[in-house]
Protein backbone atom coordinates (compact mmCIF):
# COMPACT_ATOMS: atom_id res chain seq x y z
CA MET A 1 110.05 155.42 84.53
CA LYS A 2 110.01 156.27 80.89
CA THR A 3 112.46 153.30 80.71
CA LYS A 4 109.98 150.44 82.38
CA PHE A 5 108.10 150.92 78.83
CA LEU A 6 110.22 150.54 77.15
CA LEU A 7 111.55 146.94 77.22
CA PRO A 8 107.64 145.92 77.14
CA LEU A 9 107.40 147.96 73.78
CA PHE A 10 110.45 146.73 71.54
CA LEU A 11 108.95 143.37 73.31
CA LEU A 12 106.26 144.06 71.07
CA ALA A 13 108.13 145.94 68.51
CA VAL A 14 110.06 142.51 68.00
CA GLY A 15 107.60 140.41 68.21
CA CYS A 16 105.12 141.54 65.23
CA THR A 17 108.15 142.49 63.03
CA SER A 18 109.03 138.07 63.08
CA GLU A 19 109.33 136.55 59.90
CA LYS A 20 106.46 134.92 58.55
CA THR A 21 106.10 130.69 58.00
CA GLU A 22 106.25 129.05 54.96
CA GLN A 23 103.92 126.53 54.10
CA THR A 24 104.49 123.49 52.91
CA ASP A 25 102.90 121.64 49.92
CA ASP A 26 100.83 119.51 51.98
CA GLN A 27 99.61 122.32 54.21
CA LEU A 28 97.51 123.65 50.34
CA GLN A 29 96.64 120.49 49.06
CA THR A 30 93.81 121.04 51.27
CA THR A 31 90.68 121.58 48.54
CA GLU A 32 88.13 124.15 50.21
CA VAL A 33 84.75 122.70 49.10
CA VAL A 34 81.76 125.71 48.10
CA GLU A 35 78.66 123.99 49.55
CA THR A 36 75.64 125.97 48.95
CA SER A 37 71.85 125.00 49.26
CA ALA A 38 68.93 127.00 48.20
CA CYS A 39 64.07 126.67 47.56
CA TYR A 40 62.70 127.55 45.42
CA ALA A 41 58.73 127.10 44.35
CA SER A 42 55.88 128.54 41.04
CA VAL A 43 52.54 128.21 42.31
CA THR A 44 50.66 128.65 39.36
CA GLY A 45 46.79 128.50 40.78
CA GLY A 46 46.21 125.09 42.24
CA ASP A 47 49.24 123.86 41.76
CA SER A 48 53.16 123.70 42.63
CA THR A 49 56.43 122.71 42.27
CA LEU A 50 58.85 122.60 44.80
CA LEU A 51 62.76 122.64 44.00
CA ARG A 52 65.72 122.02 46.60
CA ILE A 53 69.34 122.31 45.35
CA VAL A 54 72.38 121.59 46.92
CA ASN A 55 75.18 123.16 44.98
CA GLU A 56 78.20 121.66 45.88
CA ASN A 57 81.34 123.01 43.02
CA GLY A 58 79.09 123.09 40.56
CA GLU A 59 77.73 120.00 40.55
CA VAL A 60 74.21 119.75 41.71
CA THR A 61 71.73 117.50 43.51
CA GLY A 62 68.48 118.01 45.41
CA GLU A 63 65.07 117.38 44.99
CA LEU A 64 61.94 118.83 42.95
CA THR A 65 58.39 117.77 43.65
CA TYR A 66 55.62 118.81 40.61
CA ASN A 67 52.60 119.12 43.11
CA HIS A 68 48.79 119.21 40.45
CA LEU A 69 46.49 120.38 41.27
CA GLU A 70 43.83 116.83 39.60
CA LYS A 71 46.76 114.43 38.86
CA ASP A 72 49.14 112.52 40.64
CA ASP A 73 52.42 114.80 42.47
CA ASN A 74 55.70 113.50 40.90
CA VAL A 75 57.77 113.32 43.78
CA GLY A 76 62.26 112.81 43.23
CA THR A 77 65.16 113.79 42.71
CA ILE A 78 67.43 114.88 40.75
CA MET A 79 71.56 115.19 40.11
CA GLY A 80 73.35 117.34 37.73
CA GLU A 81 75.82 119.61 36.47
CA MET A 82 76.08 123.82 36.38
CA HIS A 83 77.31 124.47 32.71
CA GLY A 84 77.25 128.77 33.07
CA ASP A 85 73.51 130.03 33.73
CA THR A 86 72.24 126.90 33.26
CA LEU A 87 71.92 124.02 35.46
CA LEU A 88 70.86 120.35 33.47
CA ALA A 89 70.28 117.28 35.45
CA ASP A 90 68.22 114.02 35.11
CA TYR A 91 65.33 114.19 37.13
CA THR A 92 64.06 110.24 38.85
CA PHE A 93 60.80 110.13 39.64
CA MET A 94 58.33 107.98 41.17
CA SER A 95 54.66 108.55 38.98
CA GLU A 96 51.67 106.53 39.25
CA GLY A 97 53.63 103.63 40.92
CA ILE A 98 56.54 103.77 38.50
CA GLU A 99 59.96 104.99 38.08
CA SER A 100 60.90 106.70 34.67
CA VAL A 101 63.73 109.29 35.01
CA ARG A 102 63.99 111.78 31.97
CA GLN A 103 66.32 115.50 31.86
CA VAL A 104 65.04 119.14 33.24
CA ALA A 105 66.78 121.88 32.62
CA PHE A 106 66.30 125.31 34.20
CA LEU A 107 67.61 128.79 33.86
CA LYS A 108 68.96 131.66 36.46
CA LYS A 109 67.21 134.66 36.08
CA GLY A 110 68.06 136.96 38.74
CA GLU A 111 67.14 135.24 42.63
CA GLY A 112 65.17 132.12 40.65
CA PHE A 113 64.92 129.84 38.61
CA VAL A 114 63.02 129.37 34.72
CA GLU A 115 61.97 125.26 33.82
CA GLY A 116 62.91 125.63 30.88
CA TYR A 117 61.17 122.90 27.65
CA GLY A 118 62.41 121.63 24.45
CA ASP A 119 62.33 118.53 21.98
CA ALA A 120 62.54 115.32 23.76
CA GLU A 121 63.93 112.04 22.91
CA GLU A 122 63.76 108.43 23.95
CA ARG A 123 68.09 107.67 25.02
CA ASP A 124 68.61 104.70 27.13
CA GLY A 125 66.00 104.20 29.02
CA LYS A 126 65.41 107.97 29.77
CA MET A 127 63.75 111.16 28.11
CA VAL A 128 66.62 113.73 27.34
CA PHE A 129 66.45 117.06 25.30
CA LYS A 130 66.91 116.41 21.98
CA SER A 131 68.87 120.00 21.99
CA THR A 132 69.84 121.38 24.74
CA SER A 133 71.22 125.50 22.66
CA THR A 134 66.78 125.44 20.97
CA LEU A 135 64.86 124.55 24.88
CA ASP A 136 62.94 127.32 25.98
CA PHE A 137 63.26 129.49 28.45
CA GLY A 138 60.36 132.50 27.72
CA SER A 139 57.46 129.89 29.09
CA GLY A 140 58.91 128.15 31.24
CA THR A 141 57.45 127.93 35.03
CA THR A 142 58.97 130.24 37.50
CA PHE A 143 60.44 129.04 40.40
CA GLU A 144 60.64 132.12 43.61
CA LYS A 145 63.71 131.65 46.74
CA VAL A 146 62.08 130.86 49.37
CA PRO A 147 62.27 128.87 52.86
CA CYS A 148 63.57 125.56 53.01
CA LYS A 149 61.76 125.37 55.70
CA ARG A 150 58.58 124.95 53.57
CA PHE A 151 60.27 121.82 52.87
CA ARG A 152 58.83 118.41 54.01
CA GLY A 153 62.14 116.77 55.76
């Protein structure tokens, strides 16, 4: 009776110790893309700001909307890169029927972001920070992570 179980047990042991196959260079060339998306919001008084980002290996795209209580909204897209814990991006938006581009900066703090401010100047048709090393994140708009379903579209 015991011999009936020895053959299947032997075959199982041989199968578990089979050689590993080596991967060729062609199999290793596939690059894993790390993509994360998240949404953030800031509400102060009657004003709100919404930020939705997609971070694909440090390259960031998304949407940024400033909803001001007594002013026209600014609705647009961002495109930029993460530099450590800082997102630097171009914000392309429509305001009062005119398309504009300006540089924006956000510092990652915990689960959210803080918007940075600094002196800006016009270069090549867009407003950019004079120096990103002197940006002030201490008094900027604070964004908290929110479910993306709060966004339209």
